Amino acid sequence: MIKYRKNGVALLLIVAMMALALAGCGGQSGEQGDNAPPKVETTFINIATGGTAGTYYPLGGAMAEVLNKNVANVNATAESTGASVANINLLKEGNVQLAFIQNDITFYADKGEEMFTDQKVAGLKALATIYPETCQLITLKKNNINSVADLKGKKVAVGAAGSGVEANARQIMAAEGITYDDINEQYLSFAEAANGLKDGNIDAGFITAGFPTAAIQDLSAQHDVVLIPVGDDIADKLIADYPFYTKIVIPAGTYSKQAEDIQTLAVKAMLVVTDEMDEQLAYDITKAIYTNLDALKAAHSVGNLIVPETAQDGLSVPLHPGAEKYFNE
């Protein structure tokens, strides 16, 4: 009986010691967990740009690099897209978090007008307007087209179907009294329009982008490109109906063999997000962009036009609170 009790005591001591050892291990593990750095989640920022032959794409690539280097825990990538209208839809669906969009297209989406009739997009916010998007109507010298009125009966590239370019083309021609019934419209991207002119498949094309535009530069290197002016009569009608438009001059020498200044119209390119973006993240993105403008200048010459002083010119939706905070510092 005594032996049994001794063995029982010994067993209890062993169990107690094991329990203390396990408790010690548990305490050590908890201490390590408390002192371990918190897990940091990566924020993915997909940037919707435009076609590879346009201006949005190289700027978007440069912005992605800027964000990756200057915003903690962000992984940013630029995507080639169908540009403004497509980018609105990508934002709405949550497939991208930042997009290049013309200010007029943003307005239409916000109000549910034009191509967004009965499809109003709520929650759009601006980080900034960045540079003029110039409406460039191009042809070749051999086509003998010298004005918007001369487009009647011609094969004309009007931009991708439902794009911001297409809206600009339709509105500019309408101010001259021309509808799609008067032309053979072709829904083509910038690169496709340039190739169409080169191959003789179209007679003229509309391109809305910052100048110089790569597609036009490439075309003008081998062919006699002509820029068609948009005169005051058409410009004034359009500005009265669509206050987003402003008059702009494409300086002589912008493209090969361009001997004269060309008057035309422009809208504004915007950086657009939604109200789903965190205020601090919007602030950090805006700050990173505007404190690293040299990277944008190196990516495209329109980067020289991106300055904080004009970042709120032509806004067609409210600034995101994060961007507003940055610009008010």
C-alpha atoms as a PDB file:
ATOM      1  CA  MET A   1       0.000   0.000   0.000  1.00  0.00           C
ATOM      2  CA  ILE A   2       2.825   2.332   0.943  1.00  0.00           C
ATOM      3  CA  LYS A   3       4.657   1.431  -2.266  1.00  0.00           C
ATOM      4  CA  TYR A   4       1.536   2.238  -4.274  1.00  0.00           C
ATOM      5  CA  ARG A   5       1.247   5.626  -2.626  1.00  0.00           C
ATOM      6  CA  LYS A   6       4.889   6.428  -3.343  1.00  0.00           C
ATOM      7  CA  ASN A   7       4.440   5.487  -6.953  1.00  0.00           C
ATOM      8  CA  GLY A   8       1.289   7.597  -7.118  1.00  0.00           C
ATOM      9  CA  VAL A   9       3.080  10.609  -5.670  1.00  0.00           C
ATOM     10  CA  ALA A  10       5.914  10.141  -8.120  1.00  0.00           C
ATOM     11  CA  LEU A  11       3.452   9.981 -10.994  1.00  0.00           C
ATOM     12  CA  LEU A  12       1.723  13.117  -9.837  1.00  0.00           C
ATOM     13  CA  LEU A  13       5.058  14.915  -9.583  1.00  0.00           C
ATOM     14  CA  ILE A  14       5.962  13.865 -13.098  1.00  0.00           C
ATOM     15  CA  VAL A  15       2.602  15.060 -14.444  1.00  0.00           C
ATOM     16  CA  ALA A  16       2.956  18.360 -12.602  1.00  0.00           C
ATOM     17  CA  MET A  17       6.458  18.910 -13.982  1.00  0.00           C
ATOM     18  CA  MET A  18       5.256  18.180 -17.527  1.00  0.00           C
ATOM     19  CA  ALA A  19       2.396  20.628 -17.102  1.00  0.00           C
ATOM     20  CA  LEU A  20       4.801  23.339 -15.920  1.00  0.00           C
ATOM     21  CA  ALA A  21       7.119  22.616 -18.840  1.00  0.00           C
ATOM     22  CA  LEU A  22       4.244  22.873 -21.318  1.00  0.00           C
ATOM     23  CA  ALA A  23       3.032  26.071 -19.705  1.00  0.00           C
ATOM     24  CA  GLY A  24       6.539  27.493 -19.979  1.00  0.00           C
ATOM     25  CA  CYS A  25       6.687  26.602 -23.639  1.00  0.00           C
ATOM     26  CA  GLY A  26       3.285  28.160 -24.196  1.00  0.00           C
ATOM     27  CA  GLY A  27       4.363  31.356 -22.471  1.00  0.00           C
ATOM     28  CA  GLN A  28       7.530  31.530 -24.548  1.00  0.00           C
ATOM     29  CA  SER A  29       5.532  31.016 -27.747  1.00  0.00           C
ATOM     30  CA  GLY A  30       3.057  33.732 -26.768  1.00  0.00           C
ATOM     31  CA  GLU A  31       5.878  36.158 -26.004  1.00  0.00           C
ATOM     32  CA  GLN A  32       7.407  35.538 -29.424  1.00  0.00           C
ATOM     33  CA  GLY A  33       3.989  36.058 -31.036  1.00  0.00           C
ATOM     34  CA  ASP A  34       3.522  39.357 -29.172  1.00  0.00           C
ATOM     35  CA  ASN A  35       6.948  40.588 -30.243  1.00  0.00           C
ATOM     36  CA  ALA A  36       6.652  39.383 -33.867  1.00  0.00           C
ATOM     37  CA  PRO A  37       6.100  42.159 -36.438  1.00  0.00           C
ATOM     38  CA  PRO A  38       2.470  42.461 -37.575  1.00  0.00           C
ATOM     39  CA  LYS A  39       1.650  40.858 -40.876  1.00  0.00           C
ATOM     40  CA  VAL A  40       1.505  43.514 -43.617  1.00  0.00           C
ATOM     41  CA  GLU A  41      -0.844  42.970 -46.524  1.00  0.00           C
ATOM     42  CA  THR A  42       0.107  44.095 -50.028  1.00  0.00           C
ATOM     43  CA  THR A  43      -2.273  46.517 -51.725  1.00  0.00           C
ATOM     44  CA  PHE A  44      -2.590  45.861 -55.441  1.00  0.00           C
ATOM     45  CA  ILE A  45      -3.173  48.913 -57.636  1.00  0.00           C
ATOM     46  CA  ASN A  46      -4.141  48.121 -61.228  1.00  0.00           C
ATOM     47  CA  ILE A  47      -3.855  51.235 -63.396  1.00  0.00           C
ATOM     48  CA  ALA A  48      -6.116  51.388 -66.464  1.00  0.00           C
ATOM     49  CA  THR A  49      -4.430  53.307 -69.285  1.00  0.00           C
ATOM     50  CA  GLY A  50      -5.195  53.056 -73.029  1.00  0.00           C
ATOM     51  CA  GLY A  51      -3.777  51.602 -76.213  1.00  0.00           C
ATOM     52  CA  THR A  52      -0.035  51.030 -76.435  1.00  0.00           C
ATOM     53  CA  ALA A  53       0.279  53.662 -79.190  1.00  0.00           C
ATOM     54  CA  GLY A  54      -1.317  56.411 -77.095  1.00  0.00           C
ATOM     55  CA  THR A  55      -0.189  58.650 -74.237  1.00  0.00           C
ATOM     56  CA  TYR A  56      -1.900  56.995 -71.274  1.00  0.00           C
ATOM     57  CA  TYR A  57       0.083  53.772 -71.582  1.00  0.00           C
ATOM     58  CA  PRO A  58       3.647  55.109 -71.126  1.00  0.00           C
ATOM     59  CA  LEU A  59       2.509  57.503 -68.395  1.00  0.00           C
ATOM     60  CA  GLY A  60       0.700  54.686 -66.609  1.00  0.00           C
ATOM     61  CA  GLY A  61       3.807  52.528 -66.709  1.00  0.00           C
ATOM     62  CA  ALA A  62       5.870  55.348 -65.203  1.00  0.00           C
ATOM     63  CA  MET A  63       3.261  55.929 -62.494  1.00  0.00           C
ATOM     64  CA  ALA A  64       3.273  52.252 -61.592  1.00  0.00           C
ATOM     65  CA  GLU A  65       7.052  52.409 -61.076  1.00  0.00           C
ATOM     66  CA  VAL A  66       6.709  55.569 -58.989  1.00  0.00           C
ATOM     67  CA  LEU A  67       4.096  53.980 -56.725  1.00  0.00           C
ATOM     68  CA  ASN A  68       6.088  50.775 -56.304  1.00  0.00           C
ATOM     69  CA  LYS A  69       9.136  52.760 -55.211  1.00  0.00           C
ATOM     70  CA  ASN A  70       7.442  55.373 -53.050  1.00  0.00           C
ATOM     71  CA  VAL A  71       4.261  53.935 -51.495  1.00  0.00           C
ATOM     72  CA  ALA A  72       4.803  51.263 -48.860  1.00  0.00           C
ATOM     73  CA  ASN A  73       3.242  47.836 -49.410  1.00  0.00           C
ATOM     74  CA  VAL A  74       1.819  48.731 -52.823  1.00  0.00           C
ATOM     75  CA  ASN A  75       2.160  46.580 -55.925  1.00  0.00           C
ATOM     76  CA  ALA A  76       1.148  48.687 -58.929  1.00  0.00           C
ATOM     77  CA  THR A  77       0.843  47.593 -62.554  1.00  0.00           C
ATOM     78  CA  ALA A  78      -0.316  49.414 -65.693  1.00  0.00           C
ATOM     79  CA  GLU A  79      -2.765  47.726 -68.050  1.00  0.00           C
ATOM     80  CA  SER A  80      -3.417  48.475 -71.724  1.00  0.00           C
ATOM     81  CA  THR A  81      -7.158  49.065 -72.193  1.00  0.00           C
ATOM     82  CA  GLY A  82      -9.736  50.602 -74.515  1.00  0.00           C
ATOM     83  CA  ALA A  83      -9.161  53.952 -72.732  1.00  0.00           C
ATOM     84  CA  SER A  84     -11.712  56.322 -71.182  1.00  0.00           C
ATOM     85  CA  VAL A  85     -15.091  54.595 -71.497  1.00  0.00           C
ATOM     86  CA  ALA A  86     -13.643  51.138 -70.918  1.00  0.00           C
ATOM     87  CA  ASN A  87     -11.754  52.472 -67.908  1.00  0.00           C
ATOM     88  CA  ILE A  88     -14.949  53.795 -66.315  1.00  0.00           C
ATOM     89  CA  ASN A  89     -16.424  50.316 -66.499  1.00  0.00           C
ATOM     90  CA  LEU A  90     -13.239  48.719 -65.148  1.00  0.00           C
ATOM     91  CA  LEU A  91     -13.369  51.067 -62.150  1.00  0.00           C
ATOM     92  CA  LYS A  92     -17.060  50.388 -61.597  1.00  0.00           C
ATOM     93  CA  GLU A  93     -16.472  46.625 -61.625  1.00  0.00           C
ATOM     94  CA  GLY A  94     -13.494  46.904 -59.261  1.00  0.00           C
ATOM     95  CA  ASN A  95     -11.070  45.413 -61.781  1.00  0.00           C
ATOM     96  CA  VAL A  96      -8.791  48.460 -61.547  1.00  0.00           C
ATOM     97  CA  GLN A  97      -8.212  50.971 -58.751  1.00  0.00           C
ATOM     98  CA  LEU A  98      -6.838  53.945 -60.712  1.00  0.00           C
ATOM     99  CA  ALA A  99      -7.683  55.018 -64.255  1.00  0.00           C
ATOM    100  CA  PHE A 100      -6.820  57.595 -66.901  1.00  0.00           C
ATOM    101  CA  ILE A 101     -10.111  59.066 -68.158  1.00  0.00           C
ATOM    102  CA  GLN A 102     -11.062  62.172 -70.127  1.00  0.00           C
ATOM    103  CA  ASN A 103     -12.898  64.764 -68.029  1.00  0.00           C
ATOM    104  CA  ASP A 104     -15.873  64.818 -70.400  1.00  0.00           C
ATOM    105  CA  ILE A 105     -16.308  61.047 -70.224  1.00  0.00           C
ATOM    106  CA  THR A 106     -16.089  61.155 -66.432  1.00  0.00           C
ATOM    107  CA  PHE A 107     -18.815  63.784 -66.419  1.00  0.00           C
ATOM    108  CA  TYR A 108     -21.084  61.678 -68.648  1.00  0.00           C
ATOM    109  CA  ALA A 109     -20.626  58.645 -66.404  1.00  0.00           C
ATOM    110  CA  ASP A 110     -21.261  60.657 -63.246  1.00  0.00           C
ATOM    111  CA  LYS A 111     -24.429  62.224 -64.677  1.00  0.00           C
ATOM    112  CA  GLY A 112     -25.688  59.208 -66.659  1.00  0.00           C
ATOM    113  CA  GLU A 113     -25.537  60.982 -70.032  1.00  0.00           C
ATOM    114  CA  GLU A 114     -24.251  60.286 -73.567  1.00  0.00           C
ATOM    115  CA  MET A 115     -22.819  56.745 -73.738  1.00  0.00           C
ATOM    116  CA  PHE A 116     -23.793  56.307 -70.083  1.00  0.00           C
ATOM    117  CA  THR A 117     -27.468  57.167 -70.529  1.00  0.00           C
ATOM    118  CA  ASP A 118     -29.421  55.192 -67.917  1.00  0.00           C
ATOM    119  CA  GLN A 119     -26.086  53.750 -66.708  1.00  0.00           C
ATOM    120  CA  LYS A 120     -24.989  56.337 -64.164  1.00  0.00           C
ATOM    121  CA  VAL A 121     -21.798  55.390 -62.328  1.00  0.00           C
ATOM    122  CA  ALA A 122     -21.792  56.447 -58.681  1.00  0.00           C
ATOM    123  CA  GLY A 123     -18.785  57.108 -56.488  1.00  0.00           C
ATOM    124  CA  LEU A 124     -16.276  58.444 -59.026  1.00  0.00           C
ATOM    125  CA  LYS A 125     -13.606  60.673 -57.489  1.00  0.00           C
ATOM    126  CA  ALA A 126     -10.663  62.549 -59.008  1.00  0.00           C
ATOM    127  CA  LEU A 127      -7.066  62.553 -57.871  1.00  0.00           C
ATOM    128  CA  ALA A 128      -6.183  65.301 -60.376  1.00  0.00           C
ATOM    129  CA  THR A 129      -6.463  66.588 -63.907  1.00  0.00           C
ATOM    130  CA  ILE A 130      -3.095  66.164 -65.544  1.00  0.00           C
ATOM    131  CA  TYR A 131      -2.786  67.526 -69.101  1.00  0.00           C
ATOM    132  CA  PRO A 132      -4.791  68.565 -72.172  1.00  0.00           C
ATOM    133  CA  GLU A 133      -6.077  65.746 -74.380  1.00  0.00           C
ATOM    134  CA  THR A 134      -5.845  67.225 -77.857  1.00  0.00           C
ATOM    135  CA  CYS A 135      -8.380  66.352 -80.541  1.00  0.00           C
ATOM    136  CA  GLN A 136      -6.193  65.630 -83.570  1.00  0.00           C
ATOM    137  CA  LEU A 137      -7.815  65.082 -86.956  1.00  0.00           C
ATOM    138  CA  ILE A 138      -5.214  63.652 -89.314  1.00  0.00           C
ATOM    139  CA  THR A 139      -5.017  62.734 -92.967  1.00  0.00           C
ATOM    140  CA  LEU A 140      -2.370  62.410 -95.682  1.00  0.00           C
ATOM    141  CA  LYS A 141      -1.550  65.205 -98.096  1.00  0.00           C
ATOM    142  CA  LYS A 142      -2.531  63.063-101.106  1.00  0.00           C
ATOM    143  CA  ASN A 143      -6.116  62.731 -99.778  1.00  0.00           C
ATOM    144  CA  ASN A 144      -6.781  66.447-100.370  1.00  0.00           C
ATOM    145  CA  ILE A 145      -8.768  66.941 -97.152  1.00  0.00           C
ATOM    146  CA  ASN A 146      -8.284  70.419 -95.719  1.00  0.00           C
ATOM    147  CA  SER A 147     -11.215  70.980 -93.352  1.00  0.00           C
ATOM    148  CA  VAL A 148     -13.782  69.155 -91.247  1.00  0.00           C
ATOM    149  CA  ALA A 149     -16.339  69.869 -93.981  1.00  0.00           C
ATOM    150  CA  ASP A 150     -14.223  67.874 -96.441  1.00  0.00           C
ATOM    151  CA  LEU A 151     -14.906  64.670 -94.470  1.00  0.00           C
ATOM    152  CA  LYS A 152     -18.265  64.189 -96.187  1.00  0.00           C
ATOM    153  CA  GLY A 153     -18.252  61.024 -98.259  1.00  0.00           C
ATOM    154  CA  LYS A 154     -14.925  59.888 -96.799  1.00  0.00           C
ATOM    155  CA  LYS A 155     -13.829  56.834 -94.824  1.00  0.00           C
ATOM    156  CA  VAL A 156     -13.080  58.244 -91.378  1.00  0.00           C
ATOM    157  CA  ALA A 157     -11.633  56.526 -88.297  1.00  0.00           C
ATOM    158  CA  VAL A 158     -13.664  57.803 -85.342  1.00  0.00           C
ATOM    159  CA  GLY A 159     -11.966  55.895 -82.519  1.00  0.00           C
ATOM    160  CA  ALA A 160     -12.887  52.634 -80.851  1.00  0.00           C
ATOM    161  CA  ALA A 161     -16.634  52.040 -80.537  1.00  0.00           C
ATOM    162  CA  GLY A 162     -18.037  53.857 -77.512  1.00  0.00           C
ATOM    163  CA  SER A 163     -14.704  55.498 -76.676  1.00  0.00           C
ATOM    164  CA  GLY A 164     -13.998  59.052 -75.637  1.00  0.00           C
ATOM    165  CA  VAL A 165     -12.371  59.629 -79.023  1.00  0.00           C
ATOM    166  CA  GLU A 166     -15.569  58.541 -80.741  1.00  0.00           C
ATOM    167  CA  ALA A 167     -17.593  61.050 -78.697  1.00  0.00           C
ATOM    168  CA  ASN A 168     -15.169  63.835 -79.647  1.00  0.00           C
ATOM    169  CA  ALA A 169     -15.281  62.880 -83.337  1.00  0.00           C
ATOM    170  CA  ARG A 170     -19.070  62.769 -83.401  1.00  0.00           C
ATOM    171  CA  GLN A 171     -19.400  66.120 -81.623  1.00  0.00           C
ATOM    172  CA  ILE A 172     -16.816  67.920 -83.787  1.00  0.00           C
ATOM    173  CA  MET A 173     -18.436  66.703 -86.992  1.00  0.00           C
ATOM    174  CA  ALA A 174     -21.910  67.584 -85.671  1.00  0.00           C
ATOM    175  CA  ALA A 175     -20.780  71.172 -85.123  1.00  0.00           C
ATOM    176  CA  GLU A 176     -20.015  71.226 -88.872  1.00  0.00           C
ATOM    177  CA  GLY A 177     -23.395  69.641 -89.664  1.00  0.00           C
ATOM    178  CA  ILE A 178     -21.921  66.216 -90.445  1.00  0.00           C
ATOM    179  CA  THR A 179     -23.393  62.958 -89.102  1.00  0.00           C
ATOM    180  CA  TYR A 180     -22.381  59.339 -89.553  1.00  0.00           C
ATOM    181  CA  ASP A 181     -24.863  59.229 -92.440  1.00  0.00           C
ATOM    182  CA  ASP A 182     -22.481  61.551 -94.314  1.00  0.00           C
ATOM    183  CA  ILE A 183     -19.332  59.452 -93.844  1.00  0.00           C
ATOM    184  CA  ASN A 184     -18.163  55.844 -93.827  1.00  0.00           C
ATOM    185  CA  GLU A 185     -17.201  55.615 -90.153  1.00  0.00           C
ATOM    186  CA  GLN A 186     -14.537  53.165 -89.057  1.00  0.00           C
ATOM    187  CA  TYR A 187     -14.161  52.252 -85.372  1.00  0.00           C
ATOM    188  CA  LEU A 188     -10.381  52.019 -85.008  1.00  0.00           C
ATOM    189  CA  SER A 189      -7.736  52.446 -82.332  1.00  0.00           C
ATOM    190  CA  PHE A 190      -4.896  54.964 -82.709  1.00  0.00           C
ATOM    191  CA  ALA A 191      -2.523  52.397 -84.184  1.00  0.00           C
ATOM    192  CA  GLU A 192      -5.220  50.975 -86.471  1.00  0.00           C
ATOM    193  CA  ALA A 193      -6.095  54.456 -87.736  1.00  0.00           C
ATOM    194  CA  ALA A 194      -2.442  55.189 -88.524  1.00  0.00           C
ATOM    195  CA  ASN A 195      -2.088  51.873 -90.345  1.00  0.00           C
ATOM    196  CA  GLY A 196      -5.354  52.482 -92.177  1.00  0.00           C
ATOM    197  CA  LEU A 197      -4.065  55.798 -93.495  1.00  0.00           C
ATOM    198  CA  LYS A 198      -0.765  54.204 -94.460  1.00  0.00           C
ATOM    199  CA  ASP A 199      -2.517  51.404 -96.352  1.00  0.00           C
ATOM    200  CA  GLY A 200      -5.138  53.652 -97.944  1.00  0.00           C
ATOM    201  CA  ASN A 201      -8.029  51.924 -96.167  1.00  0.00           C
ATOM    202  CA  ILE A 202      -9.236  55.183 -94.603  1.00  0.00           C
ATOM    203  CA  ASP A 203      -9.041  58.829 -95.652  1.00  0.00           C
ATOM    204  CA  ALA A 204      -8.820  60.547 -92.253  1.00  0.00           C
ATOM    205  CA  GLY A 205      -8.815  59.725 -88.571  1.00  0.00           C
ATOM    206  CA  PHE A 206      -9.574  61.269 -85.197  1.00  0.00           C
ATOM    207  CA  ILE A 207      -7.111  60.755 -82.349  1.00  0.00           C
ATOM    208  CA  THR A 208      -7.588  62.356 -78.935  1.00  0.00           C
ATOM    209  CA  ALA A 209      -4.349  62.244 -76.984  1.00  0.00           C
ATOM    210  CA  GLY A 210      -1.545  64.393 -75.693  1.00  0.00           C
ATOM    211  CA  PHE A 211       0.796  65.533 -78.427  1.00  0.00           C
ATOM    212  CA  PRO A 212       3.087  64.399 -79.853  1.00  0.00           C
ATOM    213  CA  THR A 213       1.217  61.093 -80.175  1.00  0.00           C
ATOM    214  CA  ALA A 214       3.381  58.073 -80.994  1.00  0.00           C
ATOM    215  CA  ALA A 215       0.995  56.742 -83.656  1.00  0.00           C
ATOM    216  CA  ILE A 216       1.098  60.059 -85.539  1.00  0.00           C
ATOM    217  CA  GLN A 217       4.854  60.430 -85.093  1.00  0.00           C
ATOM    218  CA  ASP A 218       5.437  57.015 -86.620  1.00  0.00           C
ATOM    219  CA  LEU A 219       3.124  57.787 -89.529  1.00  0.00           C
ATOM    220  CA  SER A 220       4.655  61.209 -90.184  1.00  0.00           C
ATOM    221  CA  ALA A 221       8.151  59.710 -90.320  1.00  0.00           C
ATOM    222  CA  GLN A 222       7.248  57.975 -93.586  1.00  0.00           C
ATOM    223  CA  HIS A 223       4.295  59.905 -94.994  1.00  0.00           C
ATOM    224  CA  ASP A 224       3.174  63.507 -95.509  1.00  0.00           C
ATOM    225  CA  VAL A 225       0.733  63.835 -92.612  1.00  0.00           C
ATOM    226  CA  VAL A 226      -1.696  66.754 -92.554  1.00  0.00           C
ATOM    227  CA  LEU A 227      -3.358  67.999 -89.353  1.00  0.00           C
ATOM    228  CA  ILE A 228      -6.828  69.429 -90.013  1.00  0.00           C
ATOM    229  CA  PRO A 229      -7.582  72.576 -87.985  1.00  0.00           C
ATOM    230  CA  VAL A 230     -10.759  73.060 -85.976  1.00  0.00           C
ATOM    231  CA  GLY A 231     -11.619  76.697 -86.590  1.00  0.00           C
ATOM    232  CA  ASP A 232     -13.236  79.198 -84.251  1.00  0.00           C
ATOM    233  CA  ASP A 233     -16.687  78.680 -85.771  1.00  0.00           C
ATOM    234  CA  ILE A 234     -16.749  74.985 -84.837  1.00  0.00           C
ATOM    235  CA  ALA A 235     -14.817  75.485 -81.588  1.00  0.00           C
ATOM    236  CA  ASP A 236     -17.160  78.176 -80.285  1.00  0.00           C
ATOM    237  CA  LYS A 237     -20.243  76.037 -80.992  1.00  0.00           C
ATOM    238  CA  LEU A 238     -18.741  73.101 -79.179  1.00  0.00           C
ATOM    239  CA  ILE A 239     -17.574  75.082 -76.158  1.00  0.00           C
ATOM    240  CA  ALA A 240     -21.067  76.544 -75.806  1.00  0.00           C
ATOM    241  CA  ASP A 241     -22.602  73.055 -75.754  1.00  0.00           C
ATOM    242  CA  TYR A 242     -19.772  71.195 -74.025  1.00  0.00           C
ATOM    243  CA  PRO A 243     -17.840  73.378 -71.551  1.00  0.00           C
ATOM    244  CA  PHE A 244     -15.122  70.710 -71.167  1.00  0.00           C
ATOM    245  CA  TYR A 245     -13.605  71.727 -74.488  1.00  0.00           C
ATOM    246  CA  THR A 246     -10.910  74.371 -74.686  1.00  0.00           C
ATOM    247  CA  LYS A 247      -9.062  75.812 -77.655  1.00  0.00           C
ATOM    248  CA  ILE A 248      -5.464  74.691 -78.048  1.00  0.00           C
ATOM    249  CA  VAL A 249      -2.669  75.081 -80.583  1.00  0.00           C
ATOM    250  CA  ILE A 250      -0.435  72.256 -81.777  1.00  0.00           C
ATOM    251  CA  PRO A 251       2.855  74.111 -82.367  1.00  0.00           C
ATOM    252  CA  ALA A 252       4.618  73.938 -85.725  1.00  0.00           C
ATOM    253  CA  GLY A 253       7.249  71.230 -85.736  1.00  0.00           C
ATOM    254  CA  THR A 254       5.379  68.935 -83.359  1.00  0.00           C
ATOM    255  CA  TYR A 255       5.330  66.375 -86.172  1.00  0.00           C
ATOM    256  CA  SER A 256       7.609  65.843 -89.151  1.00  0.00           C
ATOM    257  CA  LYS A 257       7.012  68.391 -91.948  1.00  0.00           C
ATOM    258  CA  GLN A 258       4.406  70.278 -89.866  1.00  0.00           C
ATOM    259  CA  ALA A 259       5.258  73.812 -90.955  1.00  0.00           C
ATOM    260  CA  GLU A 260       2.434  75.736 -89.228  1.00  0.00           C
ATOM    261  CA  ASP A 261       0.654  75.985 -85.898  1.00  0.00           C
ATOM    262  CA  ILE A 262      -2.649  74.111 -85.952  1.00  0.00           C
ATOM    263  CA  GLN A 263      -5.638  75.303 -83.922  1.00  0.00           C
ATOM    264  CA  THR A 264      -7.881  72.597 -82.530  1.00  0.00           C
ATOM    265  CA  LEU A 265      -9.693  71.591 -79.340  1.00  0.00           C
ATOM    266  CA  ALA A 266      -8.752  69.735 -76.193  1.00  0.00           C
ATOM    267  CA  VAL A 267     -10.356  68.116 -73.194  1.00  0.00           C
ATOM    268  CA  LYS A 268      -8.496  67.184 -69.992  1.00  0.00           C
ATOM    269  CA  ALA A 269      -7.024  63.868 -68.954  1.00  0.00           C
ATOM    270  CA  MET A 270      -7.900  62.946 -65.369  1.00  0.00           C
ATOM    271  CA  LEU A 271      -6.692  60.442 -62.820  1.00  0.00           C
ATOM    272  CA  VAL A 272      -9.862  58.849 -61.457  1.00  0.00           C
ATOM    273  CA  VAL A 273     -10.534  56.481 -58.549  1.00  0.00           C
ATOM    274  CA  THR A 274     -13.686  55.634 -56.588  1.00  0.00           C
ATOM    275  CA  ASP A 275     -14.845  56.450 -53.089  1.00  0.00           C
ATOM    276  CA  GLU A 276     -13.900  52.883 -52.163  1.00  0.00           C
ATOM    277  CA  MET A 277     -10.244  53.943 -51.979  1.00  0.00           C
ATOM    278  CA  ASP A 278      -8.910  54.587 -48.495  1.00  0.00           C
ATOM    279  CA  GLU A 279      -8.190  58.264 -47.774  1.00  0.00           C
ATOM    280  CA  GLN A 280      -4.613  57.615 -46.691  1.00  0.00           C
ATOM    281  CA  LEU A 281      -3.896  55.541 -49.796  1.00  0.00           C
ATOM    282  CA  ALA A 282      -5.321  58.252 -52.059  1.00  0.00           C
ATOM    283  CA  TYR A 283      -3.134  60.798 -50.275  1.00  0.00           C
ATOM    284  CA  ASP A 284      -0.030  58.606 -50.617  1.00  0.00           C
ATOM    285  CA  ILE A 285      -0.641  57.973 -54.336  1.00  0.00           C
ATOM    286  CA  THR A 286      -1.218  61.653 -55.091  1.00  0.00           C
ATOM    287  CA  LYS A 287       1.862  62.683 -53.121  1.00  0.00           C
ATOM    288  CA  ALA A 288       4.040  60.053 -54.803  1.00  0.00           C
ATOM    289  CA  ILE A 289       2.988  61.200 -58.270  1.00  0.00           C
ATOM    290  CA  TYR A 290       3.464  64.915 -57.658  1.00  0.00           C
ATOM    291  CA  THR A 291       6.798  64.546 -55.877  1.00  0.00           C
ATOM    292  CA  ASN A 292       8.234  62.388 -58.667  1.00  0.00           C
ATOM    293  CA  LEU A 293       7.225  64.298 -61.780  1.00  0.00           C
ATOM    294  CA  ASP A 294      10.622  63.790 -63.423  1.00  0.00           C
ATOM    295  CA  ALA A 295       9.682  60.132 -63.986  1.00  0.00           C
ATOM    296  CA  LEU A 296       6.567  61.212 -65.892  1.00  0.00           C
ATOM    297  CA  LYS A 297       8.514  63.738 -67.951  1.00  0.00           C
ATOM    298  CA  ALA A 298      10.934  60.997 -68.927  1.00  0.00           C
ATOM    299  CA  ALA A 299       8.068  58.703 -69.970  1.00  0.00           C
ATOM    300  CA  HIS A 300       6.363  61.174 -72.321  1.00  0.00           C
ATOM    301  CA  SER A 301       6.724  64.844 -73.232  1.00  0.00           C
ATOM    302  CA  VAL A 302       3.226  65.642 -71.873  1.00  0.00           C
ATOM    303  CA  GLY A 303       4.744  64.932 -68.469  1.00  0.00           C
ATOM    304  CA  ASN A 304       6.065  68.492 -68.674  1.00  0.00           C
ATOM    305  CA  LEU A 305       2.442  69.693 -68.463  1.00  0.00           C
ATOM    306  CA  ILE A 306       1.684  67.801 -65.246  1.00  0.00           C
ATOM    307  CA  VAL A 307       2.082  70.309 -62.421  1.00  0.00           C
ATOM    308  CA  PRO A 308       0.250  70.750 -59.099  1.00  0.00           C
ATOM    309  CA  GLU A 309      -0.810  74.282 -60.059  1.00  0.00           C
ATOM    310  CA  THR A 310      -3.223  72.942 -62.714  1.00  0.00           C
ATOM    311  CA  ALA A 311      -4.222  69.699 -60.972  1.00  0.00           C
ATOM    312  CA  GLN A 312      -7.711  70.993 -60.166  1.00  0.00           C
ATOM    313  CA  ASP A 313      -8.440  72.685 -63.511  1.00  0.00           C
ATOM    314  CA  GLY A 314     -11.354  71.135 -65.364  1.00  0.00           C
ATOM    315  CA  LEU A 315     -12.394  68.695 -62.651  1.00  0.00           C
ATOM    316  CA  SER A 316     -15.696  67.101 -63.617  1.00  0.00           C
ATOM    317  CA  VAL A 317     -16.168  65.069 -60.402  1.00  0.00           C
ATOM    318  CA  PRO A 318     -15.109  65.988 -56.850  1.00  0.00           C
ATOM    319  CA  LEU A 319     -11.583  65.412 -55.605  1.00  0.00           C
ATOM    320  CA  HIS A 320     -11.066  62.353 -53.433  1.00  0.00           C
ATOM    321  CA  PRO A 321     -10.593  63.527 -49.807  1.00  0.00           C
ATOM    322  CA  GLY A 322      -7.084  62.054 -49.798  1.00  0.00           C
ATOM    323  CA  ALA A 323      -6.070  64.063 -52.866  1.00  0.00           C
ATOM    324  CA  GLU A 324      -7.748  67.157 -51.453  1.00  0.00           C
ATOM    325  CA  LYS A 325      -5.710  66.750 -48.291  1.00  0.00           C
ATOM    326  CA  TYR A 326      -2.469  66.643 -50.294  1.00  0.00           C
ATOM    327  CA  PHE A 327      -3.234  69.717 -52.429  1.00  0.00           C
ATOM    328  CA  ASN A 328      -4.312  71.722 -49.371  1.00  0.00           C
ATOM    329  CA  GLU A 329      -1.073  71.099 -47.461  1.00  0.00           C
END
